[in-house]
């Protein structure tokens, strides 16, 4: 655009000698290389170029009113969140989630949210100071049409028509943001009563949709994918179409600089389930990967713990009745329903089982480790060999896993340090500061280019992040994190008494453990020994 307006002026810059001119908002020429402003202004337009059939078209010389939505169209905040959900769903489908996640489940949840909050698909939309979204659906065909429209680049329309100038048809467009209703999202009363959307709730919706499909992606996995930028979240607003002008308060809604915590997303998922008024979720059966038996097996393999430990974990699951469908299935229609943290539950089962076996009081586990080493090397009469060392030693496990964790932590810190956090898309706080912001960005880009040229450095390309659910690789491979301990045995922690096998450790140690004096208490492990549990 600047080249067309400055065409014909090829005088070199007096300071740097470059011929690279552009026009400012005041129609003054400035050098894009050194930002030197000269006295020359835009040349008078030759009206002869507009002569058609010997008639001169009139050119208005009056001042044109500047708007924050020039060249764009009207849009609502819910349209922006729909685009965010669309890109998050496409990323998850690309990672292996079934296609029904996007086309059926998540899209139905989003339509239900818009309808229950009276933002769309209703004849009585919520009243606000701006134009409400009225996307009333008369039949199932309308739903299918909107579903097809969501798969395209165009989001759902927020008003009856779009004016050619980009102004609101009723003259109520916001001057503090590019959207029409951004101001409504900053009223505390509206946020609570209308259950307005926010960025953590997009992850909560994705989490609910994954649970509905019983996918093997837990909430911790979802947040890890977001942290590795495999699921868009931090700078997802850069995917907005150009006609959706994004500035001012819009940035305060869609721009996030941190990833929400596990507890926050879990709490938002519970609230969204209440708002959506969802029925009972599909049952978490024994063949579902979210079942604690299968999920604990995955964590045991990733933690390099012996396979025999999984049998004892399953016994703890049976004793505590955690394998029942009614306990594992989420039913929002029931009052005070609980949304289980399946990943935390599986990890807790492993920890409880290890405490039953080794007590983990910083004394018994080391004593049992010495016992395992004595059995492995033949009561100390000969040196330990790979064939003889079949007993699992907690000390050996710690010496292998702890350095691997430190290396993984350093790799993550290095990855975070090298990551480009600054967004590519420029955010303008207000249209009156647009010129200053653009000039600062041009100066920064020029300085970066100059330093890169002088130093001769090339930007490092980040290696693609792993999409596997397993964080470590144990075995004899070259890139393995350490030797595998999956084949180790746990026979030394069990002793045979008659026909039954009992645990060598007879106590369950916990710092806050108190004897339960209430009759009929629901706690399963409080006050019990390892013998009584297993």
Foldseek 3Di string as FASTA:
>chain_A
DQCVQCPPDQAADPPPRHRAWGADPVQWIAHLQPRHTDPDGGDDDDQVVVQDPNDTDDDDPDDDDDALQFQFWADAVLQLLLLLLLQLLVLVVVLPDDNCLLLPQLLVLSVLLCVLLQQEQDPDRDDDLFQGAYHHDDDVVSVVVQSVVSNDLDTDDRDDDIDPRRADPVRQADQQWLYRCLVLCPDVVCCPPSVDDALLLSLLSSQVSCVLVLHLQASVNSLVCVLLVSRDQQPSSVSRDPSRRGAASNCVGRHDQDRDDSVVSQVSNLVSCLSSVDFWGDWDAPPRCLQLLNLLQQVCQLLLHAPVLSVLLVLLCVLLVVRDRVNQIFGSNDPPTDHDRSNVVSVVSSVQSVCQLQVPPVPSLQVVLVVLCCQQQVNPPGDHDPVSNQADRPVVSCVQRVVLVVVVVVVSVVVVVLDDSDDPDDYYNGPVCVSVSVSVVSVVVSVVVVVCVVVVDDRDDDDRDDSDPRPAAAPDDPPHSYHHSHRHDHCSQWDDDPPDIFGPFFANDDPPADADPDPPDSDSPGPGTSRVSD
